C-alpha cells in the first residue's frame, strides 16, 4: 500500500525548507511513496492560512483531506499534534532541514518522532 506524507514548506527565496512554524508555512508538499519508498508523485497545496500563527488548530483538518499518513514540520504546538494523532496521522518534527534532506531522511527511515513547541511562539 502506498504511503502519503505531507511536508510543511516555507520558501526563503532560494531554498525550500521544512517550515519552522507549522501554522505559518506557505505550502505543503504531499509525496506519495510506493512500497519500496520511491516517490511516485509530489503534489503542492498552498496553505490557506499562511502567515497566521493561530492557523495550526485548523490546518490538521485541511491536511487530512489529502489522505496523508504522516506530517513533517519544523515545529508544532500540542493542539496541532493532538489533532493529527487523533486522526491517525503520524507527526514528525524536523527543524532546520531543507525539503530534499527531510524527504531523503524519511525514506531512509532516519526521521521520526516529534517535540511539541514549549511556548507557542518560538520554534528554534
PDB file of N, CA and C in Angstrom:
ATOM      1  N   UNK A   1       0.840  -1.182   0.000  1.00  0.00           N
ATOM      2  CA  UNK A   1       0.000   0.000   0.000  1.00  0.00           C
ATOM      3  C   UNK A   1       0.884   1.245   0.000  1.00  0.00           C
ATOM      4  N   UNK A   2       0.540   2.212  -0.813  1.00  0.00           N
ATOM      5  CA  UNK A   2       1.324   3.434  -0.910  1.00  0.00           C
ATOM      6  C   UNK A   2       1.163   4.283   0.345  1.00  0.00           C
ATOM      7  N   UNK A   3       2.190   5.041   0.633  1.00  0.00           N
ATOM      8  CA  UNK A   3       2.204   5.935   1.779  1.00  0.00           C
ATOM      9  C   UNK A   3       2.220   7.367   1.277  1.00  0.00           C
ATOM     10  N   UNK A   4       1.460   8.234   1.956  1.00  0.00           N
ATOM     11  CA  UNK A   4       1.425   9.651   1.588  1.00  0.00           C
ATOM     12  C   UNK A   4       1.898  10.474   2.776  1.00  0.00           C
ATOM     13  N   UNK A   5       2.853  11.347   2.516  1.00  0.00           N
ATOM     14  CA  UNK A   5       3.367  12.221   3.568  1.00  0.00           C
ATOM     15  C   UNK A   5       3.223  13.677   3.137  1.00  0.00           C
ATOM     16  N   UNK A   6       2.913  14.519   4.107  1.00  0.00           N
ATOM     17  CA  UNK A   6       2.842  15.959   3.872  1.00  0.00           C
ATOM     18  C   UNK A   6       4.023  16.608   4.573  1.00  0.00           C
ATOM     19  N   UNK A   7       4.641  17.550   3.895  1.00  0.00           N
ATOM     20  CA  UNK A   7       5.769  18.282   4.473  1.00  0.00           C
ATOM     21  C   UNK A   7       5.431  19.767   4.421  1.00  0.00           C
ATOM     22  N   UNK A   8       5.423  20.410   5.588  1.00  0.00           N
ATOM     23  CA  UNK A   8       5.158  21.847   5.672  1.00  0.00           C
ATOM     24  C   UNK A   8       6.392  22.582   5.163  1.00  0.00           C
ATOM     25  N   UNK A   9       6.198  23.459   4.184  1.00  0.00           N
ATOM     26  CA  UNK A   9       7.317  24.111   3.487  1.00  0.00           C
ATOM     27  C   UNK A   9       7.217  25.624   3.613  1.00  0.00           C
ATOM     28  N   UNK A  10       8.372  26.249   3.763  1.00  0.00           N
ATOM     29  CA  UNK A  10       8.465  27.701   3.604  1.00  0.00           C
ATOM     30  C   UNK A  10       9.633  27.978   2.666  1.00  0.00           C
ATOM     31  N   UNK A  11       9.461  28.982   1.839  1.00  0.00           N
ATOM     32  CA  UNK A  11      10.496  29.380   0.882  1.00  0.00           C
ATOM     33  C   UNK A  11      11.279  30.536   1.467  1.00  0.00           C
ATOM     34  N   UNK A  12      12.601  30.474   1.340  1.00  0.00           N
ATOM     35  CA  UNK A  12      13.408  31.609   1.780  1.00  0.00           C
ATOM     36  C   UNK A  12      13.881  32.428   0.588  1.00  0.00           C
ATOM     37  N   UNK A  13      13.251  32.211  -0.555  1.00  0.00           N
ATOM     38  CA  UNK A  13      13.633  32.918  -1.765  1.00  0.00           C
ATOM     39  C   UNK A  13      14.559  32.115  -2.646  1.00  0.00           C
ATOM     40  N   UNK A  14      15.348  31.250  -2.044  1.00  0.00           N
ATOM     41  CA  UNK A  14      16.292  30.422  -2.780  1.00  0.00           C
ATOM     42  C   UNK A  14      16.044  28.940  -2.554  1.00  0.00           C
ATOM     43  N   UNK A  15      15.739  28.594  -1.307  1.00  0.00           N
ATOM     44  CA  UNK A  15      15.586  27.188  -0.922  1.00  0.00           C
ATOM     45  C   UNK A  15      14.209  26.918  -0.342  1.00  0.00           C
ATOM     46  N   UNK A  16      13.824  25.659  -0.387  1.00  0.00           N
ATOM     47  CA  UNK A  16      12.594  25.219   0.257  1.00  0.00           C
ATOM     48  C   UNK A  16      12.994  24.465   1.516  1.00  0.00           C
ATOM     49  N   UNK A  17      12.554  24.984   2.645  1.00  0.00           N
ATOM     50  CA  UNK A  17      12.929  24.385   3.917  1.00  0.00           C
ATOM     51  C   UNK A  17      11.690  23.912   4.659  1.00  0.00           C
ATOM     52  N   UNK A  18      11.892  22.955   5.560  1.00  0.00           N
ATOM     53  CA  UNK A  18      10.805  22.495   6.413  1.00  0.00           C
ATOM     54  C   UNK A  18      10.424  23.673   7.306  1.00  0.00           C
ATOM     55  N   UNK A  19       9.156  24.041   7.274  1.00  0.00           N
ATOM     56  CA  UNK A  19       8.676  25.244   7.964  1.00  0.00           C
ATOM     57  C   UNK A  19       8.900  25.171   9.463  1.00  0.00           C
ATOM     58  N   UNK A  20       9.555  26.188  10.003  1.00  0.00           N
ATOM     59  CA  UNK A  20       9.774  26.276  11.447  1.00  0.00           C
ATOM     60  C   UNK A  20       8.466  26.459  12.199  1.00  0.00           C
ATOM     61  N   UNK A  21       7.541  27.183  11.619  1.00  0.00           N
ATOM     62  CA  UNK A  21       6.231  27.441  12.225  1.00  0.00           C
ATOM     63  C   UNK A  21       5.184  26.731  11.384  1.00  0.00           C
ATOM     64  N   UNK A  22       4.731  25.594  11.831  1.00  0.00           N
ATOM     65  CA  UNK A  22       3.772  24.787  11.077  1.00  0.00           C
ATOM     66  C   UNK A  22       2.585  25.618  10.588  1.00  0.00           C
ATOM     67  N   UNK A  23       1.973  26.381  11.474  1.00  0.00           N
ATOM     68  CA  UNK A  23       0.793  27.162  11.121  1.00  0.00           C
ATOM     69  C   UNK A  23       1.054  28.293  10.157  1.00  0.00           C
ATOM     70  N   UNK A  24       2.312  28.679   9.988  1.00  0.00           N
ATOM     71  CA  UNK A  24       2.665  29.791   9.101  1.00  0.00           C
ATOM     72  C   UNK A  24       3.308  29.348   7.799  1.00  0.00           C
ATOM     73  N   UNK A  25       3.373  28.060   7.546  1.00  0.00           N
ATOM     74  CA  UNK A  25       4.035  27.592   6.327  1.00  0.00           C
ATOM     75  C   UNK A  25       3.316  28.156   5.103  1.00  0.00           C
ATOM     76  N   UNK A  26       4.041  28.260   3.993  1.00  0.00           N
ATOM     77  CA  UNK A  26       3.430  28.789   2.771  1.00  0.00           C
ATOM     78  C   UNK A  26       2.707  27.709   1.982  1.00  0.00           C
ATOM     79  N   UNK A  27       3.187  26.472   2.093  1.00  0.00           N
ATOM     80  CA  UNK A  27       2.585  25.382   1.325  1.00  0.00           C
ATOM     81  C   UNK A  27       2.947  24.037   1.939  1.00  0.00           C
ATOM     82  N   UNK A  28       2.290  23.026   1.419  1.00  0.00           N
ATOM     83  CA  UNK A  28       2.573  21.643   1.797  1.00  0.00           C
ATOM     84  C   UNK A  28       2.925  20.872   0.536  1.00  0.00           C
ATOM     85  N   UNK A  29       3.971  20.082   0.614  1.00  0.00           N
ATOM     86  CA  UNK A  29       4.232  19.095  -0.427  1.00  0.00           C
ATOM     87  C   UNK A  29       3.644  17.792   0.079  1.00  0.00           C
ATOM     88  N   UNK A  30       2.854  17.151  -0.748  1.00  0.00           N
ATOM     89  CA  UNK A  30       2.323  15.836  -0.418  1.00  0.00           C
ATOM     90  C   UNK A  30       2.978  14.865  -1.383  1.00  0.00           C
ATOM     91  N   UNK A  31       3.769  13.966  -0.820  1.00  0.00           N
ATOM     92  CA  UNK A  31       4.509  12.994  -1.619  1.00  0.00           C
ATOM     93  C   UNK A  31       3.902  11.618  -1.424  1.00  0.00           C
ATOM     94  N   UNK A  32       3.714  10.924  -2.527  1.00  0.00           N
ATOM     95  CA  UNK A  32       3.220   9.549  -2.459  1.00  0.00           C
ATOM     96  C   UNK A  32       4.383   8.619  -2.728  1.00  0.00           C
ATOM     97  N   UNK A  33       4.583   7.681  -1.799  1.00  0.00           N
ATOM     98  CA  UNK A  33       5.685   6.725  -1.893  1.00  0.00           C
ATOM     99  C   UNK A  33       5.125   5.327  -2.121  1.00  0.00           C
ATOM    100  N   UNK A  34       5.813   4.554  -2.941  1.00  0.00           N
ATOM    101  CA  UNK A  34       5.393   3.173  -3.137  1.00  0.00           C
ATOM    102  C   UNK A  34       5.979   2.289  -2.039  1.00  0.00           C
ATOM    103  N   UNK A  35       5.776   0.989  -2.141  1.00  0.00           N
ATOM    104  CA  UNK A  35       6.252   0.055  -1.108  1.00  0.00           C
ATOM    105  C   UNK A  35       7.763   0.042  -0.969  1.00  0.00           C
ATOM    106  N   UNK A  36       8.459   0.452  -2.017  1.00  0.00           N
ATOM    107  CA  UNK A  36       9.918   0.485  -1.982  1.00  0.00           C
ATOM    108  C   UNK A  36      10.442   1.871  -1.616  1.00  0.00           C
ATOM    109  N   UNK A  37       9.520   2.757  -1.168  1.00  0.00           N
ATOM    110  CA  UNK A  37       9.841   4.123  -0.738  1.00  0.00           C
ATOM    111  C   UNK A  37      10.343   4.997  -1.872  1.00  0.00           C
ATOM    112  N   UNK A  38       9.921   4.705  -3.090  1.00  0.00           N
ATOM    113  CA  UNK A  38      10.229   5.563  -4.228  1.00  0.00           C
ATOM    114  C   UNK A  38       9.095   6.561  -4.374  1.00  0.00           C
ATOM    115  N   UNK A  39       9.449   7.805  -4.678  1.00  0.00           N
ATOM    116  CA  UNK A  39       8.441   8.846  -4.837  1.00  0.00           C
ATOM    117  C   UNK A  39       7.714   8.653  -6.163  1.00  0.00           C
ATOM    118  N   UNK A  40       6.406   8.423  -6.065  1.00  0.00           N
ATOM    119  CA  UNK A  40       5.580   8.257  -7.259  1.00  0.00           C
ATOM    120  C   UNK A  40       5.105   9.593  -7.791  1.00  0.00           C
ATOM    121  N   UNK A  41       4.750  10.504  -6.872  1.00  0.00           N
ATOM    122  CA  UNK A  41       4.328  11.836  -7.282  1.00  0.00           C
ATOM    123  C   UNK A  41       4.443  12.805  -6.120  1.00  0.00           C
ATOM    124  N   UNK A  42       4.513  14.088  -6.488  1.00  0.00           N
ATOM    125  CA  UNK A  42       4.579  15.162  -5.497  1.00  0.00           C
ATOM    126  C   UNK A  42       3.533  16.196  -5.872  1.00  0.00           C
ATOM    127  N   UNK A  43       2.642  16.481  -4.930  1.00  0.00           N
ATOM    128  CA  UNK A  43       1.592  17.471  -5.147  1.00  0.00           C
ATOM    129  C   UNK A  43       1.887  18.679  -4.273  1.00  0.00           C
ATOM    130  N   UNK A  44       1.425  19.846  -4.716  1.00  0.00           N
ATOM    131  CA  UNK A  44       1.614  21.084  -3.958  1.00  0.00           C
ATOM    132  C   UNK A  44       0.248  21.629  -3.568  1.00  0.00           C
ATOM    133  N   UNK A  45       0.099  21.923  -2.275  1.00  0.00           N
ATOM    134  CA  UNK A  45      -1.123  22.536  -1.760  1.00  0.00           C
ATOM    135  C   UNK A  45      -0.721  23.767  -0.962  1.00  0.00           C
ATOM    136  N   UNK A  46      -1.258  24.898  -1.316  1.00  0.00           N
ATOM    137  CA  UNK A  46      -0.916  26.131  -0.626  1.00  0.00           C
ATOM    138  C   UNK A  46      -1.716  26.251   0.662  1.00  0.00           C
ATOM    139  N   UNK A  47      -1.089  26.776   1.684  1.00  0.00           N
ATOM    140  CA  UNK A  47      -1.701  26.946   2.998  1.00  0.00           C
ATOM    141  C   UNK A  47      -2.686  28.115   2.939  1.00  0.00           C
ATOM    142  N   UNK A  48      -3.985  27.840   3.118  1.00  0.00           N
ATOM    143  CA  UNK A  48      -4.965  28.923   3.061  1.00  0.00           C
ATOM    144  C   UNK A  48      -4.860  29.883   4.238  1.00  0.00           C
ATOM    145  N   UNK A  49      -4.128  29.488   5.278  1.00  0.00           N
ATOM    146  CA  UNK A  49      -3.962  30.323   6.467  1.00  0.00           C
ATOM    147  C   UNK A  49      -2.517  30.802   6.616  1.00  0.00           C
ATOM    148  N   UNK A  50      -1.784  30.829   5.523  1.00  0.00           N
ATOM    149  CA  UNK A  50      -0.370  31.198   5.554  1.00  0.00           C
ATOM    150  C   UNK A  50      -0.151  32.510   6.291  1.00  0.00           C
ATOM    151  N   UNK A  51       0.802  32.490   7.218  1.00  0.00           N
ATOM    152  CA  UNK A  51       1.155  33.685   7.974  1.00  0.00           C
ATOM    153  C   UNK A  51       0.363  33.878   9.249  1.00  0.00           C
ATOM    154  N   UNK A  52      -0.679  33.099   9.454  1.00  0.00           N
ATOM    155  CA  UNK A  52      -1.482  33.225  10.667  1.00  0.00           C
ATOM    156  C   UNK A  52      -1.032  32.186  11.679  1.00  0.00           C
ATOM    157  N   UNK A  53      -0.470  32.630  12.787  1.00  0.00           N
ATOM    158  CA  UNK A  53       0.027  31.684  13.782  1.00  0.00           C
ATOM    159  C   UNK A  53      -1.093  30.816  14.347  1.00  0.00           C
ATOM    160  N   UNK A  54      -2.288  31.348  14.515  1.00  0.00           N
ATOM    161  CA  UNK A  54      -3.393  30.589  15.076  1.00  0.00           C
ATOM    162  C   UNK A  54      -3.955  29.534  14.148  1.00  0.00           C
ATOM    163  N   UNK A  55      -3.476  29.465  12.919  1.00  0.00           N
ATOM    164  CA  UNK A  55      -3.995  28.517  11.946  1.00  0.00           C
ATOM    165  C   UNK A  55      -3.681  27.069  12.231  1.00  0.00           C
ATOM    166  N   UNK A  56      -2.733  26.819  13.138  1.00  0.00           N
ATOM    167  CA  UNK A  56      -2.338  25.427  13.376  1.00  0.00           C
ATOM    168  C   UNK A  56      -3.471  24.592  13.947  1.00  0.00           C
ATOM    169  N   UNK A  57      -4.482  25.211  14.550  1.00  0.00           N
ATOM    170  CA  UNK A  57      -5.614  24.456  15.066  1.00  0.00           C
ATOM    171  C   UNK A  57      -6.557  24.011  13.971  1.00  0.00           C
ATOM    172  N   UNK A  58      -6.574  24.713  12.843  1.00  0.00           N
ATOM    173  CA  UNK A  58      -7.448  24.393  11.731  1.00  0.00           C
ATOM    174  C   UNK A  58      -6.748  23.591  10.631  1.00  0.00           C
ATOM    175  N   UNK A  59      -5.447  23.695  10.552  1.00  0.00           N
ATOM    176  CA  UNK A  59      -4.717  23.055   9.461  1.00  0.00           C
ATOM    177  C   UNK A  59      -4.735  21.525   9.479  1.00  0.00           C
ATOM    178  N   UNK A  60      -4.775  20.858  10.634  1.00  0.00           N
ATOM    179  CA  UNK A  60      -4.822  19.398  10.573  1.00  0.00           C
ATOM    180  C   UNK A  60      -6.001  18.868   9.750  1.00  0.00           C
ATOM    181  N   UNK A  61      -7.168  19.490   9.865  1.00  0.00           N
ATOM    182  CA  UNK A  61      -8.329  19.062   9.070  1.00  0.00           C
ATOM    183  C   UNK A  61      -8.085  19.331   7.585  1.00  0.00           C
ATOM    184  N   UNK A  62      -7.428  20.450   7.270  1.00  0.00           N
ATOM    185  CA  UNK A  62      -7.102  20.777   5.887  1.00  0.00           C
ATOM    186  C   UNK A  62      -6.154  19.732   5.303  1.00  0.00           C
ATOM    187  N   UNK A  63      -5.108  19.390   6.050  1.00  0.00           N
ATOM    188  CA  UNK A  63      -4.111  18.424   5.571  1.00  0.00           C
ATOM    189  C   UNK A  63      -4.702  17.021   5.488  1.00  0.00           C
ATOM    190  N   UNK A  64      -5.592  16.678   6.401  1.00  0.00           N
ATOM    191  CA  UNK A  64      -6.196  15.339   6.431  1.00  0.00           C
ATOM    192  C   UNK A  64      -6.900  15.005   5.124  1.00  0.00           C
ATOM    193  N   UNK A  65      -7.493  16.002   4.479  1.00  0.00           N
ATOM    194  CA  UNK A  65      -8.223  15.745   3.238  1.00  0.00           C
ATOM    195  C   UNK A  65      -7.332  15.218   2.117  1.00  0.00           C
ATOM    196  N   UNK A  66      -6.011  15.319   2.263  1.00  0.00           N
ATOM    197  CA  UNK A  66      -5.082  14.829   1.249  1.00  0.00           C
ATOM    198  C   UNK A  66      -4.687  13.372   1.500  1.00  0.00           C
ATOM    199  N   UNK A  67      -5.361  12.724   2.463  1.00  0.00           N
ATOM    200  CA  UNK A  67      -5.164  11.296   2.765  1.00  0.00           C
ATOM    201  C   UNK A  67      -3.717  10.954   3.094  1.00  0.00           C
ATOM    202  N   UNK A  68      -3.112  11.780   3.945  1.00  0.00           N
ATOM    203  CA  UNK A  68      -1.723  11.533   4.335  1.00  0.00           C
ATOM    204  C   UNK A  68      -1.654  10.621   5.557  1.00  0.00           C
ATOM    205  N   UNK A  69      -0.533   9.918   5.662  1.00  0.00           N
ATOM    206  CA  UNK A  69      -0.253   9.058   6.804  1.00  0.00           C
ATOM    207  C   UNK A  69       0.662   9.749   7.800  1.00  0.00           C
ATOM    208  N   UNK A  70       1.439  10.730   7.303  1.00  0.00           N
ATOM    209  CA  UNK A  70       2.485  11.375   8.095  1.00  0.00           C
ATOM    210  C   UNK A  70       2.553  12.857   7.737  1.00  0.00           C
ATOM    211  N   UNK A  71       2.822  13.690   8.744  1.00  0.00           N
ATOM    212  CA  UNK A  71       3.086  15.115   8.535  1.00  0.00           C
ATOM    213  C   UNK A  71       4.474  15.420   9.089  1.00  0.00           C
ATOM    214  N   UNK A  72       5.263  16.176   8.332  1.00  0.00           N
ATOM    215  CA  UNK A  72       6.588  16.607   8.770  1.00  0.00           C
ATOM    216  C   UNK A  72       6.592  18.128   8.808  1.00  0.00           C
ATOM    217  N   UNK A  73       7.021  18.688   9.938  1.00  0.00           N
ATOM    218  CA  UNK A  73       7.138  20.138  10.108  1.00  0.00           C
ATOM    219  C   UNK A  73       8.311  20.418  11.030  1.00  0.00           C
ATOM    220  N   UNK A  74       8.771  21.659  11.029  1.00  0.00           N
ATOM    221  CA  UNK A  74       9.882  22.028  11.907  1.00  0.00           C
ATOM    222  C   UNK A  74       9.439  22.131  13.348  1.00  0.00           C
ATOM    223  N   UNK A  75       8.332  22.810  13.576  1.00  0.00           N
ATOM    224  CA  UNK A  75       7.795  22.978  14.919  1.00  0.00           C
ATOM    225  C   UNK A  75       6.286  22.908  14.875  1.00  0.00           C
ATOM    226  N   UNK A  76       5.705  22.371  15.956  1.00  0.00           N
ATOM    227  CA  UNK A  76       4.262  22.211  16.001  1.00  0.00           C
ATOM    228  C   UNK A  76       3.811  22.236  17.452  1.00  0.00           C
ATOM    229  N   UNK A  77       2.729  22.949  17.711  1.00  0.00           N
ATOM    230  CA  UNK A  77       2.172  23.015  19.053  1.00  0.00           C
ATOM    231  C   UNK A  77       1.387  21.769  19.416  1.00  0.00           C
ATOM    232  N   UNK A  78       1.105  21.619  20.704  1.00  0.00           N
ATOM    233  CA  UNK A  78       0.422  20.428  21.195  1.00  0.00           C
ATOM    234  C   UNK A  78      -0.966  20.249  20.588  1.00  0.00           C
ATOM    235  N   UNK A  79      -1.695  21.342  20.371  1.00  0.00           N
ATOM    236  CA  UNK A  79      -3.033  21.218  19.793  1.00  0.00           C
ATOM    237  C   UNK A  79      -2.978  20.584  18.404  1.00  0.00           C
ATOM    238  N   UNK A  80      -2.080  21.063  17.559  1.00  0.00           N
ATOM    239  CA  UNK A  80      -1.944  20.503  16.214  1.00  0.00           C
ATOM    240  C   UNK A  80      -1.488  19.051  16.274  1.00  0.00           C
ATOM    241  N   UNK A  81      -0.506  18.747  17.132  1.00  0.00           N
ATOM    242  CA  UNK A  81      -0.040  17.367  17.284  1.00  0.00           C
ATOM    243  C   UNK A  81      -1.200  16.463  17.679  1.00  0.00           C
ATOM    244  N   UNK A  82      -1.967  16.875  18.680  1.00  0.00           N
ATOM    245  CA  UNK A  82      -3.106  16.070  19.145  1.00  0.00           C
ATOM    246  C   UNK A  82      -4.135  15.868  18.043  1.00  0.00           C
ATOM    247  N   UNK A  83      -4.409  16.926  17.276  1.00  0.00           N
ATOM    248  CA  UNK A  83      -5.367  16.813  16.173  1.00  0.00           C
ATOM    249  C   UNK A  83      -4.904  15.806  15.126  1.00  0.00           C
ATOM    250  N   UNK A  84      -3.632  15.854  14.770  1.00  0.00           N
ATOM    251  CA  UNK A  84      -3.119  14.898  13.798  1.00  0.00           C
ATOM    252  C   UNK A  84      -3.169  13.473  14.347  1.00  0.00           C
ATOM    253  N   UNK A  85      -2.668  13.292  15.554  1.00  0.00           N
ATOM    254  CA  UNK A  85      -2.636  11.944  16.132  1.00  0.00           C
ATOM    255  C   UNK A  85      -4.031  11.352  16.270  1.00  0.00           C
ATOM    256  N   UNK A  86      -5.010  12.166  16.641  1.00  0.00           N
ATOM    257  CA  UNK A  86      -6.378  11.656  16.798  1.00  0.00           C
ATOM    258  C   UNK A  86      -6.988  11.265  15.451  1.00  0.00           C
ATOM    259  N   UNK A  87      -6.407  11.755  14.358  1.00  0.00           N
ATOM    260  CA  UNK A  87      -6.860  11.379  13.020  1.00  0.00           C
ATOM    261  C   UNK A  87      -5.974  10.305  12.392  1.00  0.00           C
ATOM    262  N   UNK A  88      -5.113   9.691  13.201  1.00  0.00           N
ATOM    263  CA  UNK A  88      -4.272   8.605  12.714  1.00  0.00           C
ATOM    264  C   UNK A  88      -3.122   9.048  11.838  1.00  0.00           C
ATOM    265  N   UNK A  89      -2.694  10.300  11.971  1.00  0.00           N
ATOM    266  CA  UNK A  89      -1.594  10.824  11.169  1.00  0.00           C
ATOM    267  C   UNK A  89      -0.362  10.970  12.056  1.00  0.00           C
ATOM    268  N   UNK A  90       0.705  10.288  11.683  1.00  0.00           N
ATOM    269  CA  UNK A  90       1.969  10.349  12.416  1.00  0.00           C
ATOM    270  C   UNK A  90       2.567  11.747  12.294  1.00  0.00           C
ATOM    271  N   UNK A  91       3.134  12.252  13.387  1.00  0.00           N
ATOM    272  CA  UNK A  91       3.753  13.583  13.408  1.00  0.00           C
ATOM    273  C   UNK A  91       5.260  13.435  13.557  1.00  0.00           C
ATOM    274  N   UNK A  92       5.987  14.146  12.705  1.00  0.00           N
ATOM    275  CA  UNK A  92       7.449  14.183  12.782  1.00  0.00           C
ATOM    276  C   UNK A  92       7.877  15.645  12.760  1.00  0.00           C
ATOM    277  N   UNK A  93       8.716  16.042  13.712  1.00  0.00           N
ATOM    278  CA  UNK A  93       9.293  17.385  13.664  1.00  0.00           C
ATOM    279  C   UNK A  93      10.745  17.268  13.222  1.00  0.00           C
ATOM    280  N   UNK A  94      11.109  18.154  12.322  1.00  0.00           N
ATOM    281  CA  UNK A  94      12.442  18.108  11.728  1.00  0.00           C
ATOM    282  C   UNK A  94      12.906  19.533  11.439  1.00  0.00           C
ATOM    283  N   UNK A  95      13.188  20.260  12.490  1.00  0.00           N
ATOM    284  CA  UNK A  95      13.600  21.654  12.348  1.00  0.00           C
ATOM    285  C   UNK A  95      14.956  21.764  11.667  1.00  0.00           C
ATOM    286  N   UNK A  96      15.089  22.797  10.838  1.00  0.00           N
ATOM    287  CA  UNK A  96      16.380  23.122  10.245  1.00  0.00           C
ATOM    288  C   UNK A  96      16.759  22.331   9.011  1.00  0.00           C
ATOM    289  N   UNK A  97      15.842  21.543   8.459  1.00  0.00           N
ATOM    290  CA  UNK A  97      16.173  20.744   7.282  1.00  0.00           C
ATOM    291  C   UNK A  97      15.615  21.379   6.009  1.00  0.00           C
ATOM    292  N   UNK A  98      16.337  21.179   4.933  1.00  0.00           N
ATOM    293  CA  UNK A  98      15.805  21.516   3.622  1.00  0.00           C
ATOM    294  C   UNK A  98      14.833  20.417   3.220  1.00  0.00           C
ATOM    295  N   UNK A  99      13.912  20.742   2.303  1.00  0.00           N
ATOM    296  CA  UNK A  99      12.925  19.754   1.857  1.00  0.00           C
ATOM    297  C   UNK A  99      13.592  18.458   1.413  1.00  0.00           C
ATOM    298  N   UNK A 100      14.598  18.559   0.531  1.00  0.00           N
ATOM    299  CA  UNK A 100      15.225  17.347  -0.008  1.00  0.00           C
ATOM    300  C   UNK A 100      15.908  16.521   1.086  1.00  0.00           C
ATOM    301  N   UNK A 101      16.448  17.173   2.111  1.00  0.00           N
ATOM    302  CA  UNK A 101      17.051  16.437   3.227  1.00  0.00           C
ATOM    303  C   UNK A 101      15.979  15.687   4.016  1.00  0.00           C
ATOM    304  N   UNK A 102      14.866  16.373   4.278  1.00  0.00           N
ATOM    305  CA  UNK A 102      13.792  15.757   5.054  1.00  0.00           C
ATOM    306  C   UNK A 102      13.217  14.536   4.346  1.00  0.00           C
ATOM    307  N   UNK A 103      12.916  14.664   3.068  1.00  0.00           N
ATOM    308  CA  UNK A 103      12.328  13.537   2.341  1.00  0.00           C
ATOM    309  C   UNK A 103      13.318  12.378   2.245  1.00  0.00           C
ATOM    310  N   UNK A 104      14.593  12.672   2.016  1.00  0.00           N
ATOM    311  CA  UNK A 104      15.595  11.605   1.932  1.00  0.00           C
ATOM    312  C   UNK A 104      15.784  10.897   3.271  1.00  0.00           C
ATOM    313  N   UNK A 105      15.845  11.654   4.361  1.00  0.00           N
ATOM    314  CA  UNK A 105      15.974  11.024   5.684  1.00  0.00           C
ATOM    315  C   UNK A 105      14.743  10.192   6.021  1.00  0.00           C
ATOM    316  N   UNK A 106      13.569  10.673   5.654  1.00  0.00           N
ATOM    317  CA  UNK A 106      12.348   9.911   5.895  1.00  0.00           C
ATOM    318  C   UNK A 106      12.377   8.595   5.114  1.00  0.00           C
ATOM    319  N   UNK A 107      12.741   8.666   3.849  1.00  0.00           N
ATOM    320  CA  UNK A 107      12.807   7.464   3.009  1.00  0.00           C
ATOM    321  C   UNK A 107      13.805   6.461   3.576  1.00  0.00           C
ATOM    322  N   UNK A 108      14.898   6.951   4.150  1.00  0.00           N
ATOM    323  CA  UNK A 108      15.921   6.076   4.731  1.00  0.00           C
ATOM    324  C   UNK A 108      15.519   5.550   6.114  1.00  0.00           C
ATOM    325  N   UNK A 109      14.389   6.005   6.641  1.00  0.00           N
ATOM    326  CA  UNK A 109      13.937   5.569   7.964  1.00  0.00           C
ATOM    327  C   UNK A 109      14.682   6.242   9.100  1.00  0.00           C
ATOM    328  N   UNK A 110      15.316   7.372   8.826  1.00  0.00           N
ATOM    329  CA  UNK A 110      16.125   8.073   9.828  1.00  0.00           C
ATOM    330  C   UNK A 110      15.437   9.301  10.407  1.00  0.00           C
ATOM    331  N   UNK A 111      14.164   9.489  10.074  1.00  0.00           N
ATOM    332  CA  UNK A 111      13.434  10.662  10.545  1.00  0.00           C
ATOM    333  C   UNK A 111      12.143  10.184  11.189  1.00  0.00           C
ATOM    334  N   UNK A 112      12.035  10.414  12.505  1.00  0.00           N
ATOM    335  CA  UNK A 112      10.818  10.023  13.206  1.00  0.00           C
ATOM    336  C   UNK A 112      10.723  10.769  14.527  1.00  0.00           C
ATOM    337  N   UNK A 113       9.550  10.739  15.134  1.00  0.00           N
ATOM    338  CA  UNK A 113       9.324  11.358  16.432  1.00  0.00           C
ATOM    339  C   UNK A 113       9.066  12.852  16.337  1.00  0.00           C
ATOM    340  N   UNK A 114       8.595  13.401  17.444  1.00  0.00           N
ATOM    341  CA  UNK A 114       8.278  14.828  17.471  1.00  0.00           C
ATOM    342  C   UNK A 114       8.507  15.408  18.853  1.00  0.00           C
ATOM    343  N   UNK A 115       8.748  16.705  18.866  1.00  0.00           N
ATOM    344  CA  UNK A 115       8.789  17.517  20.077  1.00  0.00           C
ATOM    345  C   UNK A 115       7.783  18.627  19.878  1.00  0.00           C
ATOM    346  N   UNK A 116       6.917  18.843  20.857  1.00  0.00           N
ATOM    347  CA  UNK A 116       5.967  19.943  20.736  1.00  0.00           C
ATOM    348  C   UNK A 116       6.634  21.242  21.144  1.00  0.00           C
ATOM    349  N   UNK A 117       6.144  22.323  20.576  1.00  0.00           N
ATOM    350  CA  UNK A 117       6.661  23.647  20.913  1.00  0.00           C
ATOM    351  C   UNK A 117       6.284  23.958  22.353  1.00  0.00           C
ATOM    352  N   UNK A 118       7.214  24.527  23.075  1.00  0.00           N
ATOM    353  CA  UNK A 118       7.011  24.780  24.504  1.00  0.00           C
ATOM    354  C   UNK A 118       6.283  26.075  24.784  1.00  0.00           C
ATOM    355  N   UNK A 119       6.546  27.126  23.989  1.00  0.00           N
ATOM    356  CA  UNK A 119       5.969  28.424  24.314  1.00  0.00           C
ATOM    357  C   UNK A 119       4.956  28.941  23.300  1.00  0.00           C
ATOM    358  N   UNK A 120       4.723  28.200  22.231  1.00  0.00           N
ATOM    359  CA  UNK A 120       3.746  28.600  21.253  1.00  0.00           C
ATOM    360  C   UNK A 120       4.223  29.616  20.230  1.00  0.00           C
ATOM    361  N   UNK A 121       5.355  30.277  20.449  1.00  0.00           N
ATOM    362  CA  UNK A 121       5.811  31.288  19.506  1.00  0.00           C
ATOM    363  C   UNK A 121       7.165  30.966  18.894  1.00  0.00           C
ATOM    364  N   UNK A 122       8.087  30.470  19.662  1.00  0.00           N
ATOM    365  CA  UNK A 122       9.430  30.194  19.167  1.00  0.00           C
ATOM    366  C   UNK A 122       9.537  28.739  18.786  1.00  0.00           C
ATOM    367  N   UNK A 123      10.086  28.481  17.624  1.00  0.00           N
ATOM    368  CA  UNK A 123      10.277  27.107  17.147  1.00  0.00           C
ATOM    369  C   UNK A 123      11.739  26.878  16.840  1.00  0.00           C
ATOM    370  N   UNK A 124      12.602  27.351  17.697  1.00  0.00           N
ATOM    371  CA  UNK A 124      14.025  27.209  17.447  1.00  0.00           C
ATOM    372  C   UNK A 124      14.555  25.913  17.996  1.00  0.00           C
TER     373      UNK A 124
END
